[in-house]
């Protein structure tokens, strides 16, 4: 009994913790779209005096970033010392600023623009190229080794997402317009922001990274949207109905989501991050079914089966070629045993 307990003791390593953070963070981000849509629907049902909706994607994101600074400062204020700030080089300051721009300004701005000019199905479908692009980009820019098994799993998950979404909307036309190109740009921006964040977290403390990226990203997002679409995009940001519901989005999608994903970026391997994001279409549809009451469509089950197969392939510790070699070895051994028995059997038996 003692030997069994000692042999089965589960130790939490940084890699194990990184895997857990990646999956939890992915689930939060998968739920955030449904939560935001649900809140926008609440705003449409409770318009302002002029008939406008105060709970918009832009207002939720900007106000959520501002609110998230409070708990981040409470958690990481010890990292903001003069000694640690002076230890940062100009290059590290540049990486921090670049990370804030890509993650908190450019990427969400492009995704919101894409959602305004094309349907959600096309945006989700196009964004599924992200896991494969992330593995390739990590290999090129971060010199991280590509796991062939994880790459194959990503391709299987991508096929499942394509099948699931294409069968969900049978009459959708595959026409590329400005919205679809914006979705491609948003996906590329997201990959770039993830790579920059991984590069920055290797040198910069978590507290400085999270607070600086959120604060600078808030200013950059407001400036970018105001320059492109005008400051009127943030009308109603002080409306009571927005402040009544924004805490839900800020607490779950931004505060919890960002903090958990920061730890995932710091400790998880590229393959683990890619696998977690590959499963996000399945989790997103499940949350949409529960929160928004959406119908998954006829492609849900075959697509989900492919995604679950991708998880099995990625987590399998044995190479498929090795499995086939073992099977052949067993067959050859059994054939030899049968031949030996035949040769030793008496004549006429």
Protein backbone atom coordinates (compact mmCIF):
# COMPACT_ATOMS: atom_id res chain seq x y z
CA UNK A 1 0.00 0.00 0.00
CA UNK A 2 2.83 2.37 0.87
CA UNK A 3 4.65 1.57 -2.35
CA UNK A 4 1.48 2.19 -4.39
CA UNK A 5 0.90 5.56 -2.74
CA UNK A 6 4.47 6.65 -3.30
CA UNK A 7 4.45 5.56 -6.93
CA UNK A 8 1.17 7.31 -7.70
CA UNK A 9 1.94 10.64 -6.05
CA UNK A 10 1.02 13.40 -8.48
CA UNK A 11 3.49 16.26 -8.59
CA UNK A 12 2.45 19.58 -10.07
CA UNK A 13 5.29 20.79 -12.26
CA UNK A 14 5.43 24.14 -14.08
CA UNK A 15 4.61 22.32 -17.32
CA UNK A 16 1.59 20.62 -15.75
CA UNK A 17 0.39 23.91 -14.33
CA UNK A 18 0.88 25.54 -17.73
CA UNK A 19 -1.34 22.92 -19.37
CA UNK A 20 -4.07 23.52 -16.77
CA UNK A 21 -3.84 27.29 -17.21
CA UNK A 22 -4.05 26.92 -21.00
CA UNK A 23 -7.26 24.86 -20.87
CA UNK A 24 -8.96 27.01 -18.23
CA UNK A 25 -7.98 30.20 -20.04
CA UNK A 26 -9.25 28.80 -23.33
CA UNK A 27 -12.60 27.92 -21.73
CA UNK A 28 -12.97 31.44 -20.32
CA UNK A 29 -12.20 33.05 -23.67
CA UNK A 30 -14.59 30.63 -25.39
CA UNK A 31 -17.35 31.68 -23.00
CA UNK A 32 -16.53 35.39 -23.24
CA UNK A 33 -18.03 35.76 -26.74
CA UNK A 34 -21.36 34.33 -25.60
CA UNK A 35 -21.30 36.41 -22.42
CA UNK A 36 -20.58 39.61 -24.38
CA UNK A 37 -23.32 38.83 -26.92
CA UNK A 38 -25.77 38.11 -24.11
CA UNK A 39 -24.94 41.46 -22.48
CA UNK A 40 -25.29 43.32 -25.80
CA UNK A 41 -28.74 41.75 -26.18
CA UNK A 42 -29.63 43.02 -22.71
CA UNK A 43 -28.55 46.51 -23.77
CA UNK A 44 -30.72 46.33 -26.89
CA UNK A 45 -33.69 45.41 -24.73
CA UNK A 46 -32.96 48.37 -22.45
CA UNK A 47 -32.04 51.27 -24.80
CA UNK A 48 -31.10 54.77 -23.69
CA UNK A 49 -33.43 57.76 -24.04
CA UNK A 50 -32.20 58.38 -27.59
CA UNK A 51 -32.77 54.73 -28.52
CA UNK A 52 -29.09 53.78 -28.64
CA UNK A 53 -27.51 50.78 -26.98
CA UNK A 54 -25.00 51.56 -24.24
CA UNK A 55 -23.80 47.95 -23.91
CA UNK A 56 -21.71 47.66 -27.07
CA UNK A 57 -18.64 45.52 -27.67
CA UNK A 58 -16.42 48.59 -27.65
CA UNK A 59 -17.82 49.93 -24.36
CA UNK A 60 -17.63 46.51 -22.70
CA UNK A 61 -14.02 46.01 -23.72
CA UNK A 62 -12.78 49.50 -22.85
CA UNK A 63 -14.56 49.67 -19.50
CA UNK A 64 -13.58 46.07 -18.73
CA UNK A 65 -9.91 46.92 -19.25
CA UNK A 66 -10.17 49.90 -16.90
CA UNK A 67 -11.89 47.85 -14.20
CA UNK A 68 -9.38 45.02 -14.50
CA UNK A 69 -6.55 47.35 -13.51
CA UNK A 70 -7.85 47.45 -9.92
CA UNK A 71 -7.43 43.74 -9.07
CA UNK A 72 -4.25 43.54 -11.15
CA UNK A 73 -2.70 46.34 -9.12
CA UNK A 74 -3.79 44.64 -5.87
CA UNK A 75 -2.13 41.39 -6.97
CA UNK A 76 1.05 42.68 -8.61
CA UNK A 77 1.82 46.04 -7.03
CA UNK A 78 4.88 44.51 -5.33
CA UNK A 79 6.49 44.06 -8.75
CA UNK A 80 6.27 47.80 -9.40
CA UNK A 81 9.41 48.83 -7.55
CA UNK A 82 11.99 51.32 -8.74
CA UNK A 83 14.65 48.63 -8.80
CA UNK A 84 12.65 46.33 -11.09
CA UNK A 85 11.52 49.18 -13.34
CA UNK A 86 15.07 50.50 -13.71
CA UNK A 87 16.26 46.99 -14.54
CA UNK A 88 14.13 46.99 -17.71
CA UNK A 89 16.07 47.83 -20.84
CA UNK A 90 14.82 49.99 -23.68
CA UNK A 91 14.31 46.85 -25.75
CA UNK A 92 12.10 45.33 -23.04
CA UNK A 93 10.10 48.58 -22.85
CA UNK A 94 9.63 48.29 -26.58
CA UNK A 95 8.42 44.68 -26.33
CA UNK A 96 5.96 45.69 -23.61
CA UNK A 97 4.54 48.51 -25.71
CA UNK A 98 4.33 46.31 -28.80
CA UNK A 99 2.55 43.60 -26.82
CA UNK A 100 0.02 46.14 -25.49
CA UNK A 101 -0.71 47.42 -28.99
CA UNK A 102 -1.25 44.01 -30.57
CA UNK A 103 -3.16 42.32 -27.75
CA UNK A 104 -5.34 45.13 -26.35
CA UNK A 105 -5.78 47.47 -29.32
CA UNK A 106 -5.21 46.05 -32.79
CA UNK A 107 -6.50 42.48 -32.34
CA UNK A 108 -9.83 43.29 -30.62
CA UNK A 109 -10.38 46.25 -32.94
CA UNK A 110 -9.98 44.06 -36.02
CA UNK A 111 -12.21 41.33 -34.62
CA UNK A 112 -14.99 43.81 -33.77
CA UNK A 113 -14.67 45.35 -37.25
CA UNK A 114 -14.92 41.89 -38.83
CA UNK A 115 -18.05 41.08 -36.81
CA UNK A 116 -19.66 44.30 -37.99
CA UNK A 117 -19.09 43.49 -41.69
CA UNK A 118 -19.61 39.72 -41.93
CA UNK A 119 -21.34 36.94 -40.05
CA UNK A 120 -19.91 35.26 -36.98
CA UNK A 121 -19.60 31.92 -38.79
CA UNK A 122 -17.07 33.27 -41.26
CA UNK A 123 -15.06 34.95 -38.50
CA UNK A 124 -14.88 31.78 -36.42
CA UNK A 125 -14.02 29.63 -39.44
CA UNK A 126 -11.20 31.91 -40.57
CA UNK A 127 -9.77 32.21 -37.07
CA UNK A 128 -9.30 28.41 -36.93
CA UNK A 129 -6.09 28.78 -38.92
CA UNK A 130 -4.56 30.27 -35.77
CA UNK A 131 -3.27 27.07 -34.06
CA UNK A 132 -1.33 25.94 -37.14
CA UNK A 133 0.04 29.43 -37.76
CA UNK A 134 1.08 29.71 -34.12
CA UNK A 135 3.12 26.49 -34.24
CA UNK A 136 4.85 27.57 -37.45
CA UNK A 137 5.52 31.07 -36.13
CA UNK A 138 6.88 29.73 -32.82
CA UNK A 139 9.25 27.51 -34.81
CA UNK A 140 10.47 30.40 -36.98
CA UNK A 141 10.68 33.24 -34.45
CA UNK A 142 11.08 31.50 -31.06
CA UNK A 143 13.11 28.51 -32.32
CA UNK A 144 10.68 26.12 -30.62
CA UNK A 145 10.57 22.58 -31.99
CA UNK A 146 7.46 21.57 -33.90
CA UNK A 147 5.83 18.45 -32.50
CA UNK A 148 4.58 16.49 -35.51
CA UNK A 149 1.89 14.81 -33.44
CA UNK A 150 0.57 18.16 -32.21
CA UNK A 151 0.68 19.58 -35.73
CA UNK A 152 -1.32 16.62 -37.00
CA UNK A 153 -3.80 17.05 -34.16
CA UNK A 154 -4.17 20.72 -35.06
CA UNK A 155 -4.98 19.82 -38.65
CA UNK A 156 -7.57 17.27 -37.50
CA UNK A 157 -9.15 19.85 -35.17
CA UNK A 158 -9.19 22.38 -38.01
CA UNK A 159 -10.99 19.86 -40.24
CA UNK A 160 -13.52 19.29 -37.45
CA UNK A 161 -14.14 23.01 -37.08
CA UNK A 162 -14.59 23.43 -40.84
CA UNK A 163 -17.04 20.52 -40.95
CA UNK A 164 -18.95 21.74 -37.91
CA UNK A 165 -19.35 25.32 -39.09
CA UNK A 166 -19.94 24.59 -42.78
CA UNK A 167 -22.81 22.21 -42.01
CA UNK A 168 -24.24 24.55 -39.43
CA UNK A 169 -25.09 27.19 -42.05
CA UNK A 170 -25.94 25.35 -45.27
CA UNK A 171 -26.91 28.37 -47.34
CA UNK A 172 -23.91 30.53 -46.39
CA UNK A 173 -22.00 31.84 -49.39
CA UNK A 174 -18.23 31.74 -49.33
CA UNK A 175 -17.59 35.31 -50.51
CA UNK A 176 -14.52 37.18 -49.31
CA UNK A 177 -15.16 40.81 -48.55
CA UNK A 178 -13.69 43.42 -46.21
CA UNK A 179 -15.03 41.63 -43.14
CA UNK A 180 -13.36 38.33 -44.04
CA UNK A 181 -10.05 40.06 -44.75
CA UNK A 182 -10.35 41.83 -41.40
CA UNK A 183 -10.84 38.44 -39.74
CA UNK A 184 -7.65 37.16 -41.39
CA UNK A 185 -5.77 40.26 -40.21
CA UNK A 186 -7.19 39.83 -36.70
CA UNK A 187 -6.03 36.20 -36.60
CA UNK A 188 -2.53 37.16 -37.74
CA UNK A 189 -2.48 39.95 -35.15
CA UNK A 190 -3.51 37.48 -32.44
CA UNK A 191 -0.69 35.11 -33.39
CA UNK A 192 1.77 38.02 -33.31
CA UNK A 193 0.50 39.17 -29.90
CA UNK A 194 0.90 35.66 -28.47
CA UNK A 195 4.46 35.36 -29.76
CA UNK A 196 5.38 38.80 -28.44
CA UNK A 197 3.84 37.99 -25.05
CA UNK A 198 5.83 34.74 -24.76
CA UNK A 199 9.00 36.58 -25.73
CA UNK A 200 8.35 39.39 -23.24
CA UNK A 201 7.42 37.13 -20.31
CA UNK A 202 10.83 35.50 -20.52
CA UNK A 203 12.47 38.75 -19.41
CA UNK A 204 9.80 40.87 -17.69
CA UNK A 205 8.09 40.06 -14.35
CA UNK A 206 4.46 39.00 -14.60
CA UNK A 207 3.18 41.96 -12.56
CA UNK A 208 4.87 44.61 -14.68
CA UNK A 209 3.83 42.86 -17.87
CA UNK A 210 0.13 42.47 -16.99
CA UNK A 211 -0.44 45.97 -15.60
CA UNK A 212 1.58 47.81 -18.23
CA UNK A 213 0.00 45.89 -21.11
CA UNK A 214 -3.51 46.49 -19.82
CA UNK A 215 -3.02 50.20 -19.02
CA UNK A 216 -1.18 51.03 -22.24
CA UNK A 217 -3.55 48.86 -24.26
CA UNK A 218 -6.56 50.74 -22.89
CA UNK A 219 -5.17 54.07 -24.08
CA UNK A 220 -4.16 52.61 -27.44
CA UNK A 221 -7.55 50.96 -28.00
CA UNK A 222 -9.42 54.18 -27.25
CA UNK A 223 -7.12 56.15 -29.55
CA UNK A 224 -7.31 53.60 -32.37
CA UNK A 225 -11.13 53.33 -32.37
CA UNK A 226 -11.54 57.08 -31.99
CA UNK A 227 -9.21 57.75 -34.92
CA UNK A 228 -10.84 55.19 -37.22
CA UNK A 229 -14.53 55.43 -36.29
CA UNK A 230 -14.80 58.52 -34.13
CA UNK A 231 -15.14 58.98 -30.35
CA UNK A 232 -18.92 58.61 -30.66
CA UNK A 233 -18.31 54.84 -30.62
CA UNK A 234 -17.99 55.17 -26.85
CA UNK A 235 -21.22 57.07 -26.26
CA UNK A 236 -23.14 55.75 -23.30
CA UNK A 237 -20.05 54.55 -21.45
CA UNK A 238 -21.35 56.20 -18.27
CA UNK A 239 -24.88 54.81 -18.65
CA UNK A 240 -26.17 53.00 -15.51
CA UNK A 241 -27.30 49.95 -17.48
CA UNK A 242 -23.74 49.44 -18.74
CA UNK A 243 -22.22 49.78 -15.27
CA UNK A 244 -24.80 47.37 -13.92
CA UNK A 245 -23.66 44.52 -16.18
CA UNK A 246 -20.06 45.28 -17.13
CA UNK A 247 -18.77 43.73 -13.90
CA UNK A 248 -19.74 40.29 -15.12
CA UNK A 249 -17.80 40.66 -18.36
CA UNK A 250 -14.84 42.38 -16.72
CA UNK A 251 -14.53 39.85 -13.93
CA UNK A 252 -14.76 36.71 -16.05
CA UNK A 253 -13.55 37.54 -19.54
CA UNK A 254 -10.89 40.14 -18.80
CA UNK A 255 -9.60 39.80 -15.23
CA UNK A 256 -9.77 36.00 -14.81
CA UNK A 257 -9.19 35.32 -18.50
CA UNK A 258 -6.14 37.54 -18.84
CA UNK A 259 -4.45 36.46 -15.61
CA UNK A 260 -4.90 32.75 -16.29
CA UNK A 261 -3.78 33.14 -19.91
CA UNK A 262 -0.69 35.11 -18.81
CA UNK A 263 0.36 32.15 -16.65
CA UNK A 264 -0.37 29.80 -19.56
CA UNK A 265 1.85 31.84 -21.88
CA UNK A 266 4.62 31.79 -19.30
CA UNK A 267 4.61 28.08 -18.41
CA UNK A 268 2.78 26.14 -21.15
CA UNK A 269 4.50 24.76 -24.22
CA UNK A 270 3.54 25.91 -27.70
CA UNK A 271 1.97 22.55 -28.48
CA UNK A 272 -0.22 22.72 -25.37
CA UNK A 273 -1.39 26.23 -26.25
CA UNK A 274 -2.09 25.19 -29.83
CA UNK A 275 -4.09 22.14 -28.73
CA UNK A 276 -6.17 24.15 -26.24
CA UNK A 277 -7.06 26.76 -28.83
CA UNK A 278 -7.86 24.01 -31.35
CA UNK A 279 -10.70 22.80 -29.13
CA UNK A 280 -12.12 26.32 -28.65
CA UNK A 281 -14.77 26.02 -31.45
CA UNK A 282 -16.34 23.04 -29.67
CA UNK A 283 -16.32 24.82 -26.30
CA UNK A 284 -17.61 28.05 -27.87
CA UNK A 285 -20.61 26.27 -29.39
CA UNK A 286 -21.36 24.53 -26.09
CA UNK A 287 -21.40 27.87 -24.29
CA UNK A 288 -23.55 29.39 -27.05
CA UNK A 289 -26.02 26.55 -26.62
CA UNK A 290 -26.22 27.06 -22.85
CA UNK A 291 -26.04 30.88 -22.63
CA UNK A 292 -27.69 31.98 -25.88
CA UNK A 293 -29.83 28.95 -26.69
CA UNK A 294 -28.32 28.54 -30.17
CA UNK A 295 -28.80 25.37 -32.20
CA UNK A 296 -25.49 23.60 -32.96
CA UNK A 297 -26.59 22.24 -36.36
CA UNK A 298 -26.15 18.83 -37.95
CA UNK A 299 -22.37 19.19 -38.19
CA UNK A 300 -21.86 19.49 -34.44
CA UNK A 301 -21.43 15.80 -33.61
CA UNK A 302 -19.16 14.76 -36.53
CA UNK A 303 -17.11 17.93 -36.08
CA UNK A 304 -16.89 17.39 -32.31
CA UNK A 305 -15.78 13.80 -32.92
CA UNK A 306 -12.87 15.02 -35.07
CA UNK A 307 -11.87 17.60 -32.45
CA UNK A 308 -11.90 14.97 -29.70
CA UNK A 309 -9.85 12.70 -31.97
CA UNK A 310 -7.35 15.55 -32.28
CA UNK A 311 -7.10 15.73 -28.49
CA UNK A 312 -6.44 11.97 -28.33
CA UNK A 313 -3.79 12.13 -31.05
CA UNK A 314 -2.00 15.07 -29.43
CA UNK A 315 -2.00 13.54 -25.95
CA UNK A 316 -1.02 10.04 -27.07
CA UNK A 317 2.45 9.20 -25.82
CA UNK A 318 3.08 6.51 -28.45
CA UNK A 319 3.89 7.23 -32.05
CA UNK A 320 1.31 5.64 -34.43
CA UNK A 321 4.16 4.17 -36.48
CA UNK A 322 5.53 2.53 -33.33
CA UNK A 323 2.11 1.03 -32.59
CA UNK A 324 1.94 -0.45 -36.10
CA UNK A 325 5.46 -1.86 -35.71
CA UNK A 326 4.50 -3.55 -32.45
CA UNK A 327 1.40 -5.06 -34.05
CA UNK A 328 3.45 -6.45 -36.93
CA UNK A 329 6.01 -7.87 -34.49
CA UNK A 330 3.28 -9.69 -32.57
CA UNK A 331 1.81 -11.10 -35.80
CA UNK A 332 5.21 -12.34 -36.97
CA UNK A 333 5.89 -13.96 -33.60
CA UNK A 334 2.50 -15.71 -33.62
CA UNK A 335 3.05 -16.87 -37.20
CA UNK A 336 6.41 -18.33 -36.20
CA UNK A 337 4.85 -20.14 -33.26
CA UNK A 338 2.15 -21.65 -35.48
CA UNK A 339 4.78 -22.84 -38.00
CA UNK A 340 6.83 -24.39 -35.23
CA UNK A 341 3.81 -26.29 -33.90
CA UNK A 342 3.01 -27.50 -37.42
CA UNK A 343 6.56 -28.74 -37.96
CA UNK A 344 6.61 -30.64 -34.64
CA UNK A 345 3.13 -32.20 -35.08
CA UNK A 346 3.10 -35.98 -35.83
CA UNK A 347 2.37 -37.03 -39.39
CA UNK A 348 -1.27 -37.79 -39.91
CA UNK A 349 -2.41 -35.93 -36.86
